[in-house]
PDB file of N, CA and C in Angstrom:
ATOM      1  N   MET A   1       3.740  35.872 -16.944  1.00  0.00           N
ATOM      2  CA  MET A   1       2.746  36.759 -16.249  1.00  0.00           C
ATOM      3  C   MET A   1       1.702  35.072 -15.921  1.00  0.00           C
ATOM      4  N   SER A   2       2.318  34.153 -16.869  1.00  0.00           N
ATOM      5  CA  SER A   2       1.017  33.034 -16.925  1.00  0.00           C
ATOM      6  C   SER A   2       1.108  32.452 -16.358  1.00  0.00           C
ATOM      7  N   GLN A   3       2.734  31.967 -16.365  1.00  0.00           N
ATOM      8  CA  GLN A   3       3.015  31.130 -16.013  1.00  0.00           C
ATOM      9  C   GLN A   3       2.804  31.232 -14.146  1.00  0.00           C
ATOM     10  N   SER A   4       2.554  32.562 -13.750  1.00  0.00           N
ATOM     11  CA  SER A   4       2.501  32.880 -11.906  1.00  0.00           C
ATOM     12  C   SER A   4       0.927  32.326 -11.944  1.00  0.00           C
ATOM     13  N   VAL A   5       0.495  32.877 -12.898  1.00  0.00           N
ATOM     14  CA  VAL A   5      -1.286  32.422 -12.397  1.00  0.00           C
ATOM     15  C   VAL A   5      -1.588  30.547 -12.390  1.00  0.00           C
ATOM     16  N   ILE A   6      -0.589  30.253 -12.809  1.00  0.00           N
ATOM     17  CA  ILE A   6      -0.890  29.099 -12.935  1.00  0.00           C
ATOM     18  C   ILE A   6      -0.734  28.024 -11.707  1.00  0.00           C
ATOM     19  N   VAL A   7       0.520  28.476 -10.958  1.00  0.00           N
ATOM     20  CA  VAL A   7       1.060  28.232  -9.707  1.00  0.00           C
ATOM     21  C   VAL A   7       0.776  28.391  -8.615  1.00  0.00           C
ATOM     22  N   VAL A   8       0.020  29.357  -9.035  1.00  0.00           N
ATOM     23  CA  VAL A   8      -1.289  29.933  -7.808  1.00  0.00           C
ATOM     24  C   VAL A   8      -2.579  29.300  -7.713  1.00  0.00           C
ATOM     25  N   LEU A   9      -3.035  28.956  -9.010  1.00  0.00           N
ATOM     26  CA  LEU A   9      -3.800  27.481  -9.118  1.00  0.00           C
ATOM     27  C   LEU A   9      -3.943  26.302  -8.470  1.00  0.00           C
ATOM     28  N   ILE A  10      -2.749  25.717  -8.605  1.00  0.00           N
ATOM     29  CA  ILE A  10      -2.882  24.747  -8.412  1.00  0.00           C
ATOM     30  C   ILE A  10      -1.940  24.743  -6.815  1.00  0.00           C
ATOM     31  N   VAL A  11      -1.783  25.669  -6.482  1.00  0.00           N
ATOM     32  CA  VAL A  11      -1.512  25.549  -4.739  1.00  0.00           C
ATOM     33  C   VAL A  11      -2.581  25.732  -4.738  1.00  0.00           C
ATOM     34  N   TYR A  12      -3.564  26.790  -5.152  1.00  0.00           N
ATOM     35  CA  TYR A  12      -4.843  26.800  -4.904  1.00  0.00           C
ATOM     36  C   TYR A  12      -5.807  25.477  -4.308  1.00  0.00           C
ATOM     37  N   THR A  13      -5.877  24.727  -5.759  1.00  0.00           N
ATOM     38  CA  THR A  13      -6.462  23.690  -6.189  1.00  0.00           C
ATOM     39  C   THR A  13      -5.934  22.859  -5.003  1.00  0.00           C
ATOM     40  N   ASN A  14      -4.921  22.059  -4.174  1.00  0.00           N
ATOM     41  CA  ASN A  14      -3.771  21.735  -4.129  1.00  0.00           C
ATOM     42  C   ASN A  14      -4.765  22.115  -2.154  1.00  0.00           C
ATOM     43  N   ALA A  15      -4.805  23.642  -2.033  1.00  0.00           N
ATOM     44  CA  ALA A  15      -5.774  23.347  -0.393  1.00  0.00           C
ATOM     45  C   ALA A  15      -7.165  23.016  -0.260  1.00  0.00           C
ATOM     46  N   VAL A  16      -7.403  23.316  -1.281  1.00  0.00           N
ATOM     47  CA  VAL A  16      -8.908  22.858  -1.505  1.00  0.00           C
ATOM     48  C   VAL A  16      -9.094  21.795  -1.471  1.00  0.00           C
ATOM     49  N   TRP A  17      -8.633  20.546  -1.842  1.00  0.00           N
ATOM     50  CA  TRP A  17      -8.304  19.818  -1.823  1.00  0.00           C
ATOM     51  C   TRP A  17      -8.039  18.721  -0.440  1.00  0.00           C
ATOM     52  N   ILE A  18      -7.214  19.733   0.114  1.00  0.00           N
ATOM     53  CA  ILE A  18      -6.791  18.877   1.493  1.00  0.00           C
ATOM     54  C   ILE A  18      -8.103  19.665   2.115  1.00  0.00           C
ATOM     55  N   PHE A  19      -8.752  20.142   2.325  1.00  0.00           N
ATOM     56  CA  PHE A  19     -10.005  20.319   3.203  1.00  0.00           C
ATOM     57  C   PHE A  19     -10.968  19.142   2.306  1.00  0.00           C
ATOM     58  N   LYS A  20     -10.727  18.465   1.736  1.00  0.00           N
ATOM     59  CA  LYS A  20     -12.525  17.974   1.182  1.00  0.00           C
ATOM     60  C   LYS A  20     -11.780  16.452   1.963  1.00  0.00           C
ATOM     61  N   MET A  21     -10.212  16.378   1.964  1.00  0.00           N
ATOM     62  CA  MET A  21     -10.407  14.794   2.321  1.00  0.00           C
ATOM     63  C   MET A  21     -10.908  14.049   3.945  1.00  0.00           C
ATOM     64  N   GLN A  22     -11.089  12.925   3.888  1.00  0.00           N
ATOM     65  CA  GLN A  22     -11.690  12.732   5.280  1.00  0.00           C
ATOM     66  C   GLN A  22     -10.448  13.367   6.535  1.00  0.00           C
ATOM     67  N   GLU A  23     -11.127  12.784   7.815  1.00  0.00           N
ATOM     68  CA  GLU A  23     -10.344  13.000   8.936  1.00  0.00           C
ATOM     69  C   GLU A  23      -8.976  12.464   8.801  1.00  0.00           C
ATOM     70  N   HIS A  24      -9.396  11.111   8.715  1.00  0.00           N
ATOM     71  CA  HIS A  24      -8.130  10.219   8.359  1.00  0.00           C
ATOM     72  C   HIS A  24      -7.056  10.221   7.642  1.00  0.00           C
ATOM     73  N   THR A  25      -7.169  10.790   6.635  1.00  0.00           N
ATOM     74  CA  THR A  25      -6.756  10.596   5.609  1.00  0.00           C
ATOM     75  C   THR A  25      -5.503  12.351   5.984  1.00  0.00           C
ATOM     76  N   LYS A  26      -6.135  13.233   6.004  1.00  0.00           N
ATOM     77  CA  LYS A  26      -5.296  14.178   6.928  1.00  0.00           C
ATOM     78  C   LYS A  26      -4.424  13.874   8.148  1.00  0.00           C
ATOM     79  N   ASN A  27      -5.016  13.030   9.016  1.00  0.00           N
ATOM     80  CA  ASN A  27      -3.991  12.917  10.504  1.00  0.00           C
ATOM     81  C   ASN A  27      -2.952  12.068   9.574  1.00  0.00           C
ATOM     82  N   TYR A  28      -3.231  11.380   8.660  1.00  0.00           N
ATOM     83  CA  TYR A  28      -1.519  10.130   7.876  1.00  0.00           C
ATOM     84  C   TYR A  28      -0.516  11.033   6.870  1.00  0.00           C
ATOM     85  N   MET A  29      -1.564  12.281   6.791  1.00  0.00           N
ATOM     86  CA  MET A  29      -0.417  13.224   5.634  1.00  0.00           C
ATOM     87  C   MET A  29      -0.190  13.867   6.996  1.00  0.00           C
ATOM     88  N   PHE A  30      -0.342  14.653   7.982  1.00  0.00           N
ATOM     89  CA  PHE A  30       0.245  15.881   8.810  1.00  0.00           C
ATOM     90  C   PHE A  30       1.299  14.856   9.793  1.00  0.00           C
ATOM     91  N   PHE A  31       1.000  13.772  10.124  1.00  0.00           N
ATOM     92  CA  PHE A  31       1.690  13.165  10.849  1.00  0.00           C
ATOM     93  C   PHE A  31       3.113  13.053  10.023  1.00  0.00           C
ATOM     94  N   PHE A  32       3.030  12.136   9.039  1.00  0.00           N
ATOM     95  CA  PHE A  32       4.066  11.753   8.161  1.00  0.00           C
ATOM     96  C   PHE A  32       4.488  13.132   7.090  1.00  0.00           C
ATOM     97  N   GLY A  33       3.920  14.236   7.558  1.00  0.00           N
ATOM     98  CA  GLY A  33       4.838  15.053   7.034  1.00  0.00           C
ATOM     99  C   GLY A  33       4.538  16.259   5.180  1.00  0.00           C
ATOM    100  N   TYR A  34       3.684  14.938   4.933  1.00  0.00           N
ATOM    101  CA  TYR A  34       3.394  15.460   3.150  1.00  0.00           C
ATOM    102  C   TYR A  34       2.195  16.456   3.173  1.00  0.00           C
ATOM    103  N   GLN A  35       3.164  17.401   2.309  1.00  0.00           N
ATOM    104  CA  GLN A  35       2.042  18.725   2.164  1.00  0.00           C
ATOM    105  C   GLN A  35       1.479  17.903   1.203  1.00  0.00           C
ATOM    106  N   ILE A  36       1.348  17.354  -0.137  1.00  0.00           N
ATOM    107  CA  ILE A  36      -0.113  16.810  -0.620  1.00  0.00           C
ATOM    108  C   ILE A  36      -0.036  15.778  -1.191  1.00  0.00           C
ATOM    109  N   ALA A  37      -1.128  15.233  -1.420  1.00  0.00           N
ATOM    110  CA  ALA A  37      -1.453  13.820  -1.663  1.00  0.00           C
ATOM    111  C   ALA A  37      -0.802  13.068  -2.312  1.00  0.00           C
ATOM    112  N   GLU A  38       0.165  13.584  -3.355  1.00  0.00           N
ATOM    113  CA  GLU A  38       0.698  12.685  -4.398  1.00  0.00           C
ATOM    114  C   GLU A  38       2.194  12.938  -3.604  1.00  0.00           C
ATOM    115  N   ASP A  39       2.871  12.848  -2.551  1.00  0.00           N
ATOM    116  CA  ASP A  39       3.187  13.204  -1.899  1.00  0.00           C
ATOM    117  C   ASP A  39       3.898  11.315  -1.110  1.00  0.00           C
ATOM    118  N   CYS A  40       2.718  11.344  -1.101  1.00  0.00           N
ATOM    119  CA  CYS A  40       1.961  10.197  -0.192  1.00  0.00           C
ATOM    120  C   CYS A  40       2.807   8.864  -1.035  1.00  0.00           C
ATOM    121  N   GLU A  41       2.958   7.682  -0.684  1.00  0.00           N
ATOM    122  CA  GLU A  41       3.551   6.654  -1.034  1.00  0.00           C
ATOM    123  C   GLU A  41       3.294   4.981  -0.146  1.00  0.00           C
ATOM    124  N   CYS A  42       2.247   4.084  -1.085  1.00  0.00           N
ATOM    125  CA  CYS A  42       2.221   2.639  -0.911  1.00  0.00           C
ATOM    126  C   CYS A  42       2.973   2.430   0.266  1.00  0.00           C
ATOM    127  N   GLU A  43       2.903   2.213   1.586  1.00  0.00           N
ATOM    128  CA  GLU A  43       3.892   1.423   2.732  1.00  0.00           C
ATOM    129  C   GLU A  43       4.487  -0.055   1.670  1.00  0.00           C
ATOM    130  N   ILE A  44       4.026  -0.868   1.463  1.00  0.00           N
ATOM    131  CA  ILE A  44       4.163  -2.067   0.642  1.00  0.00           C
ATOM    132  C   ILE A  44       5.110  -1.795  -0.272  1.00  0.00           C
ATOM    133  N   CYS A  45       4.961  -1.617  -1.612  1.00  0.00           N
ATOM    134  CA  CYS A  45       5.732  -1.547  -2.625  1.00  0.00           C
ATOM    135  C   CYS A  45       5.984   0.114  -3.285  1.00  0.00           C
ATOM    136  N   ARG A  46       5.917   1.475  -2.763  1.00  0.00           N
ATOM    137  CA  ARG A  46       6.687   2.751  -3.089  1.00  0.00           C
ATOM    138  C   ARG A  46       5.856   2.796  -4.057  1.00  0.00           C
ATOM    139  N   SER A  47       4.988   2.820  -4.564  1.00  0.00           N
ATOM    140  CA  SER A  47       4.303   3.859  -5.441  1.00  0.00           C
ATOM    141  C   SER A  47       2.984   4.205  -5.885  1.00  0.00           C
ATOM    142  N   PRO A  48       2.577   5.019  -5.718  1.00  0.00           N
ATOM    143  CA  PRO A  48       1.795   6.439  -5.262  1.00  0.00           C
ATOM    144  C   PRO A  48       0.890   6.506  -4.457  1.00  0.00           C
ATOM    145  N   CYS A  49       0.563   6.335  -3.584  1.00  0.00           N
ATOM    146  CA  CYS A  49      -0.700   6.016  -2.690  1.00  0.00           C
ATOM    147  C   CYS A  49      -1.894   7.051  -2.655  1.00  0.00           C
ATOM    148  N   GLN A  50      -3.203   5.611  -3.048  1.00  0.00           N
ATOM    149  CA  GLN A  50      -3.782   5.892  -3.452  1.00  0.00           C
ATOM    150  C   GLN A  50      -5.188   6.072  -1.995  1.00  0.00           C
ATOM    151  N   ASP A  51      -4.702   4.863  -1.301  1.00  0.00           N
ATOM    152  CA  ASP A  51      -6.093   5.197  -0.335  1.00  0.00           C
ATOM    153  C   ASP A  51      -5.427   5.246   0.818  1.00  0.00           C
ATOM    154  N   ILE A  52      -5.651   5.407   1.943  1.00  0.00           N
ATOM    155  CA  ILE A  52      -4.904   5.685   3.965  1.00  0.00           C
ATOM    156  C   ILE A  52      -6.306   4.542   3.714  1.00  0.00           C
ATOM    157  N   HIS A  53      -5.410   3.442   4.720  1.00  0.00           N
ATOM    158  CA  HIS A  53      -6.497   1.924   5.131  1.00  0.00           C
ATOM    159  C   HIS A  53      -5.753   2.292   5.963  1.00  0.00           C
ATOM    160  N   HIS A  54      -7.735   1.186   6.821  1.00  0.00           N
ATOM    161  CA  HIS A  54      -7.863   1.647   8.437  1.00  0.00           C
ATOM    162  C   HIS A  54      -7.039   0.311   8.524  1.00  0.00           C
ATOM    163  N   ILE A  55      -5.932  -0.477   8.861  1.00  0.00           N
ATOM    164  CA  ILE A  55      -5.875  -1.996   8.978  1.00  0.00           C
ATOM    165  C   ILE A  55      -6.800  -2.470  10.148  1.00  0.00           C
ATOM    166  N   ILE A  56      -7.464  -1.857  11.350  1.00  0.00           N
ATOM    167  CA  ILE A  56      -8.342  -2.622  12.170  1.00  0.00           C
ATOM    168  C   ILE A  56      -9.478  -1.522  11.144  1.00  0.00           C
ATOM    169  N   PRO A  57     -10.772  -2.114  11.023  1.00  0.00           N
ATOM    170  CA  PRO A  57     -11.835  -1.371  10.273  1.00  0.00           C
ATOM    171  C   PRO A  57     -12.257  -0.937  11.769  1.00  0.00           C
ATOM    172  N   ARG A  58     -12.794   0.589  11.663  1.00  0.00           N
ATOM    173  CA  ARG A  58     -13.361   1.080  11.977  1.00  0.00           C
ATOM    174  C   ARG A  58     -14.766   0.794  12.876  1.00  0.00           C
ATOM    175  N   SER A  59     -15.443  -0.093  12.162  1.00  0.00           N
ATOM    176  CA  SER A  59     -15.778  -0.657  12.974  1.00  0.00           C
ATOM    177  C   SER A  59     -16.494  -1.719  14.170  1.00  0.00           C
ATOM    178  N   LYS A  60     -14.906  -1.672  13.810  1.00  0.00           N
ATOM    179  CA  LYS A  60     -14.622  -2.715  15.296  1.00  0.00           C
ATOM    180  C   LYS A  60     -14.416  -2.257  16.496  1.00  0.00           C
ATOM    181  N   PHE A  61     -14.713  -0.795  16.392  1.00  0.00           N
ATOM    182  CA  PHE A  61     -14.131   0.063  17.804  1.00  0.00           C
ATOM    183  C   PHE A  61     -15.218   0.603  18.815  1.00  0.00           C
ATOM    184  N   GLY A  62     -15.781   0.368  18.131  1.00  0.00           N
ATOM    185  CA  GLY A  62     -17.035   0.917  19.333  1.00  0.00           C
ATOM    186  C   GLY A  62     -17.690   2.464  19.584  1.00  0.00           C
ATOM    187  N   LYS A  63     -18.511   2.652  20.463  1.00  0.00           N
ATOM    188  CA  LYS A  63     -18.425   4.759  20.975  1.00  0.00           C
ATOM    189  C   LYS A  63     -17.620   4.600  21.517  1.00  0.00           C
ATOM    190  N   LYS A  64     -16.325   3.982  22.441  1.00  0.00           N
ATOM    191  CA  LYS A  64     -15.674   3.998  23.854  1.00  0.00           C
ATOM    192  C   LYS A  64     -14.762   4.289  23.266  1.00  0.00           C
ATOM    193  N   ARG A  65     -14.060   3.473  21.810  1.00  0.00           N
ATOM    194  CA  ARG A  65     -12.856   3.951  21.922  1.00  0.00           C
ATOM    195  C   ARG A  65     -13.313   4.599  20.083  1.00  0.00           C
ATOM    196  N   LYS A  66     -13.943   5.362  19.758  1.00  0.00           N
ATOM    197  CA  LYS A  66     -14.036   5.421  18.068  1.00  0.00           C
ATOM    198  C   LYS A  66     -13.079   6.748  17.765  1.00  0.00           C
ATOM    199  N   ASP A  67     -13.183   7.191  18.880  1.00  0.00           N
ATOM    200  CA  ASP A  67     -11.403   8.331  18.508  1.00  0.00           C
ATOM    201  C   ASP A  67     -10.218   7.113  17.472  1.00  0.00           C
ATOM    202  N   GLU A  68      -9.965   6.150  18.499  1.00  0.00           N
ATOM    203  CA  GLU A  68      -9.175   5.574  18.176  1.00  0.00           C
ATOM    204  C   GLU A  68      -8.910   5.040  16.429  1.00  0.00           C
ATOM    205  N   GLN A  69      -9.924   4.795  16.119  1.00  0.00           N
ATOM    206  CA  GLN A  69      -9.828   4.085  14.790  1.00  0.00           C
ATOM    207  C   GLN A  69      -9.005   5.418  14.005  1.00  0.00           C
ATOM    208  N   ASP A  70      -8.487   6.340  13.813  1.00  0.00           N
ATOM    209  CA  ASP A  70      -8.166   7.855  12.975  1.00  0.00           C
ATOM    210  C   ASP A  70      -6.716   7.526  13.875  1.00  0.00           C
ATOM    211  N   TYR A  71      -6.014   7.171  14.784  1.00  0.00           N
ATOM    212  CA  TYR A  71      -4.739   7.111  15.149  1.00  0.00           C
ATOM    213  C   TYR A  71      -4.348   6.161  13.803  1.00  0.00           C
ATOM    214  N   VAL A  72      -2.155   6.900  13.535  1.00  0.00           N
ATOM    215  CA  VAL A  72      -2.210   6.631  12.461  1.00  0.00           C
ATOM    216  C   VAL A  72      -1.752   5.177  13.058  1.00  0.00           C
ATOM    217  N   ARG A  73      -1.112   4.928  13.788  1.00  0.00           N
ATOM    218  CA  ARG A  73      -1.157   3.426  14.045  1.00  0.00           C
ATOM    219  C   ARG A  73      -2.303   2.652  13.307  1.00  0.00           C
ATOM    220  N   ASN A  74      -3.048   2.650  13.492  1.00  0.00           N
ATOM    221  CA  ASN A  74      -4.179   2.215  12.426  1.00  0.00           C
ATOM    222  C   ASN A  74      -4.237   2.515  11.004  1.00  0.00           C
ATOM    223  N   LEU A  75      -3.541   3.493  10.964  1.00  0.00           N
ATOM    224  CA  LEU A  75      -3.183   4.307   9.175  1.00  0.00           C
ATOM    225  C   LEU A  75      -2.550   3.744   8.646  1.00  0.00           C
ATOM    226  N   ILE A  76      -2.369   2.951   7.104  1.00  0.00           N
ATOM    227  CA  ILE A  76      -1.841   2.634   6.102  1.00  0.00           C
ATOM    228  C   ILE A  76      -2.086   3.153   5.465  1.00  0.00           C
ATOM    229  N   GLY A  77      -0.838   3.804   4.544  1.00  0.00           N
ATOM    230  CA  GLY A  77      -0.865   4.376   3.021  1.00  0.00           C
ATOM    231  C   GLY A  77      -0.951   3.410   2.280  1.00  0.00           C
ATOM    232  N   LEU A  78      -1.707   2.580   1.344  1.00  0.00           N
ATOM    233  CA  LEU A  78      -1.632   1.437  -0.219  1.00  0.00           C
ATOM    234  C   LEU A  78      -1.864   2.211  -1.282  1.00  0.00           C
ATOM    235  N   CYS A  79      -1.105   2.012  -2.502  1.00  0.00           N
ATOM    236  CA  CYS A  79      -1.371   1.853  -3.619  1.00  0.00           C
ATOM    237  C   CYS A  79      -2.858   1.055  -3.991  1.00  0.00           C
ATOM    238  N   ARG A  80      -3.322   1.015  -5.132  1.00  0.00           N
ATOM    239  CA  ARG A  80      -4.863   0.345  -5.441  1.00  0.00           C
ATOM    240  C   ARG A  80      -5.011  -0.728  -4.992  1.00  0.00           C
ATOM    241  N   LEU A  81      -4.016  -1.747  -5.514  1.00  0.00           N
ATOM    242  CA  LEU A  81      -3.451  -2.959  -5.465  1.00  0.00           C
ATOM    243  C   LEU A  81      -3.688  -2.827  -4.309  1.00  0.00           C
ATOM    244  N   HIS A  82      -2.624  -2.755  -3.466  1.00  0.00           N
ATOM    245  CA  HIS A  82      -2.484  -3.416  -2.260  1.00  0.00           C
ATOM    246  C   HIS A  82      -4.304  -3.034  -1.219  1.00  0.00           C
ATOM    247  N   HIS A  83      -4.776  -2.072  -1.313  1.00  0.00           N
ATOM    248  CA  HIS A  83      -5.917  -1.270  -0.560  1.00  0.00           C
ATOM    249  C   HIS A  83      -6.623  -2.574  -1.357  1.00  0.00           C
ATOM    250  N   ASP A  84      -7.471  -2.937  -2.020  1.00  0.00           N
ATOM    251  CA  ASP A  84      -8.379  -4.127  -2.816  1.00  0.00           C
ATOM    252  C   ASP A  84      -7.395  -5.124  -2.372  1.00  0.00           C
ATOM    253  N   GLN A  85      -6.343  -5.564  -1.574  1.00  0.00           N
ATOM    254  CA  GLN A  85      -6.392  -7.227  -1.241  1.00  0.00           C
ATOM    255  C   GLN A  85      -6.361  -6.925   0.169  1.00  0.00           C
ATOM    256  N   ALA A  86      -5.974  -5.794   0.876  1.00  0.00           N
ATOM    257  CA  ALA A  86      -5.897  -5.838   2.453  1.00  0.00           C
ATOM    258  C   ALA A  86      -7.924  -6.194   2.623  1.00  0.00           C
ATOM    259  N   HIS A  87      -8.880  -5.276   1.599  1.00  0.00           N
ATOM    260  CA  HIS A  87     -10.295  -5.383   1.478  1.00  0.00           C
ATOM    261  C   HIS A  87     -10.644  -7.501   1.512  1.00  0.00           C
ATOM    262  N   ALA A  88      -9.743  -8.073   0.477  1.00  0.00           N
ATOM    263  CA  ALA A  88     -10.162  -8.919  -0.105  1.00  0.00           C
ATOM    264  C   ALA A  88      -9.361 -10.215   1.583  1.00  0.00           C
ATOM    265  N   GLU A  89      -8.924  -8.822   2.385  1.00  0.00           N
ATOM    266  CA  GLU A  89      -7.785 -10.085   3.206  1.00  0.00           C
ATOM    267  C   GLU A  89      -6.579 -11.102   2.981  1.00  0.00           C
ATOM    268  N   VAL A  90      -6.107 -10.785   1.888  1.00  0.00           N
ATOM    269  CA  VAL A  90      -4.922 -11.397   1.043  1.00  0.00           C
ATOM    270  C   VAL A  90      -4.223 -11.064   2.108  1.00  0.00           C
ATOM    271  N   LEU A  91      -3.851  -9.718   1.719  1.00  0.00           N
ATOM    272  CA  LEU A  91      -3.046  -9.194   2.843  1.00  0.00           C
ATOM    273  C   LEU A  91      -3.338  -8.945   4.190  1.00  0.00           C
ATOM    274  N   THR A  92      -2.832  -9.616   5.906  1.00  0.00           N
ATOM    275  CA  THR A  92      -3.624  -9.639   6.657  1.00  0.00           C
ATOM    276  C   THR A  92      -3.358  -8.673   7.801  1.00  0.00           C
ATOM    277  N   LYS A  93      -4.363  -8.499   9.013  1.00  0.00           N
ATOM    278  CA  LYS A  93      -4.265  -7.059   9.610  1.00  0.00           C
ATOM    279  C   LYS A  93      -2.247  -7.406  10.060  1.00  0.00           C
ATOM    280  N   GLU A  94      -2.416  -8.446  10.404  1.00  0.00           N
ATOM    281  CA  GLU A  94      -1.086  -8.655  10.792  1.00  0.00           C
ATOM    282  C   GLU A  94      -0.538  -8.223   9.933  1.00  0.00           C
ATOM    283  N   TYR A  95      -0.014  -8.373   9.217  1.00  0.00           N
ATOM    284  CA  TYR A  95       0.945  -8.089   7.722  1.00  0.00           C
ATOM    285  C   TYR A  95       0.592  -6.912   7.930  1.00  0.00           C
ATOM    286  N   LEU A  96       0.147  -6.219   7.840  1.00  0.00           N
ATOM    287  CA  LEU A  96      -0.162  -4.438   7.207  1.00  0.00           C
ATOM    288  C   LEU A  96       0.850  -4.213   8.584  1.00  0.00           C
ATOM    289  N   THR A  97       0.114  -4.845   9.884  1.00  0.00           N
ATOM    290  CA  THR A  97       0.647  -3.385  10.966  1.00  0.00           C
ATOM    291  C   THR A  97       2.618  -3.737  11.013  1.00  0.00           C
ATOM    292  N   GLU A  98       2.937  -4.816  10.764  1.00  0.00           N
ATOM    293  CA  GLU A  98       4.236  -5.055  10.625  1.00  0.00           C
ATOM    294  C   GLU A  98       4.575  -4.544   9.576  1.00  0.00           C
ATOM    295  N   ILE A  99       4.421  -4.104   8.445  1.00  0.00           N
ATOM    296  CA  ILE A  99       4.571  -3.476   7.459  1.00  0.00           C
ATOM    297  C   ILE A  99       4.604  -1.881   8.181  1.00  0.00           C
ATOM    298  N   HIS A 100       3.462  -1.433   8.791  1.00  0.00           N
ATOM    299  CA  HIS A 100       3.117   0.410   8.568  1.00  0.00           C
ATOM    300  C   HIS A 100       4.073   0.326  10.328  1.00  0.00           C
ATOM    301  N   LEU A 101       4.413  -1.001  11.439  1.00  0.00           N
ATOM    302  CA  LEU A 101       5.440  -0.181  11.967  1.00  0.00           C
ATOM    303  C   LEU A 101       7.047  -0.314  11.654  1.00  0.00           C
ATOM    304  N   LYS A 102       7.083  -1.147  10.632  1.00  0.00           N
ATOM    305  CA  LYS A 102       8.754  -1.040   9.963  1.00  0.00           C
ATOM    306  C   LYS A 102       8.644   0.856   9.582  1.00  0.00           C
ATOM    307  N   TYR A 103       7.698   0.773   8.488  1.00  0.00           N
ATOM    308  CA  TYR A 103       7.401   2.561   8.274  1.00  0.00           C
ATOM    309  C   TYR A 103       7.640   4.043   8.814  1.00  0.00           C
ATOM    310  N   MET A 104       7.216   3.061   9.659  1.00  0.00           N
ATOM    311  CA  MET A 104       7.235   4.469  10.836  1.00  0.00           C
ATOM    312  C   MET A 104       8.402   4.419  11.330  1.00  0.00           C
ATOM    313  N   GLU A 105       9.160   3.032  11.825  1.00  0.00           N
ATOM    314  CA  GLU A 105      10.468   3.058  12.386  1.00  0.00           C
ATOM    315  C   GLU A 105      11.416   3.899  11.234  1.00  0.00           C
ATOM    316  N   GLN A 106      11.290   3.551   9.515  1.00  0.00           N
ATOM    317  CA  GLN A 106      12.021   3.891   9.087  1.00  0.00           C
ATOM    318  C   GLN A 106      12.123   5.842   8.759  1.00  0.00           C
ATOM    319  N   ASN A 107      11.274   6.115   8.608  1.00  0.00           N
ATOM    320  CA  ASN A 107      10.606   7.501   8.419  1.00  0.00           C
ATOM    321  C   ASN A 107      11.010   8.118  10.194  1.00  0.00           C
ATOM    322  N   GLY A 108      11.739   7.448  11.237  1.00  0.00           N
ATOM    323  CA  GLY A 108      11.822   8.297  12.746  1.00  0.00           C
ATOM    324  C   GLY A 108      11.190   8.468  13.528  1.00  0.00           C
ATOM    325  N   ILE A 109       9.570   7.381  13.324  1.00  0.00           N
ATOM    326  CA  ILE A 109       8.730   7.794  14.153  1.00  0.00           C
ATOM    327  C   ILE A 109       8.416   6.631  15.351  1.00  0.00           C
ATOM    328  N   LYS A 110       7.927   6.706  15.944  1.00  0.00           N
ATOM    329  CA  LYS A 110       8.472   5.887  16.988  1.00  0.00           C
ATOM    330  C   LYS A 110       6.407   4.725  17.140  1.00  0.00           C
ATOM    331  N   SER A 111       6.329   3.526  17.210  1.00  0.00           N
ATOM    332  CA  SER A 111       4.965   2.989  16.835  1.00  0.00           C
ATOM    333  C   SER A 111       3.936   3.190  17.706  1.00  0.00           C
ATOM    334  N   ASN A 112       4.016   4.184  19.108  1.00  0.00           N
ATOM    335  CA  ASN A 112       2.823   4.521  19.443  1.00  0.00           C
ATOM    336  C   ASN A 112       2.324   5.751  18.927  1.00  0.00           C
ATOM    337  N   GLY A 113       2.140   5.927  17.888  1.00  0.00           N
ATOM    338  CA  GLY A 113       1.579   7.389  16.702  1.00  0.00           C
ATOM    339  C   GLY A 113       0.038   7.106  17.230  1.00  0.00           C
ATOM    340  N   ARG A 114      -0.016   8.590  17.452  1.00  0.00           N
ATOM    341  CA  ARG A 114      -1.731   8.802  17.362  1.00  0.00           C
ATOM    342  C   ARG A 114      -2.338   9.224  16.375  1.00  0.00           C
TER     343      ARG A 114
END
């Protein structure tokens, strides 16, 4: 009996957590079919994903193209190390784009993902 209660609480906790996610994280998880955040992997090293990173920063989109900032083609799942390296520009936008396009192809998804 207590095991059933624990399972219900885990499902409820994950559902609540999803509603608190930022919109770009929800878009990314939905697009790749991840049910819970723990399913997400770093696209570079395949370790658990900690952040969904904007390859082109949101600030570069302007008002007319604001909706494009959260298209999946601009989002890459990264572990903490690689996310920090992306922000420090150790990993270039070109490199991240190349890795992301390969990841999308490996998952059977065309590169025009929104």
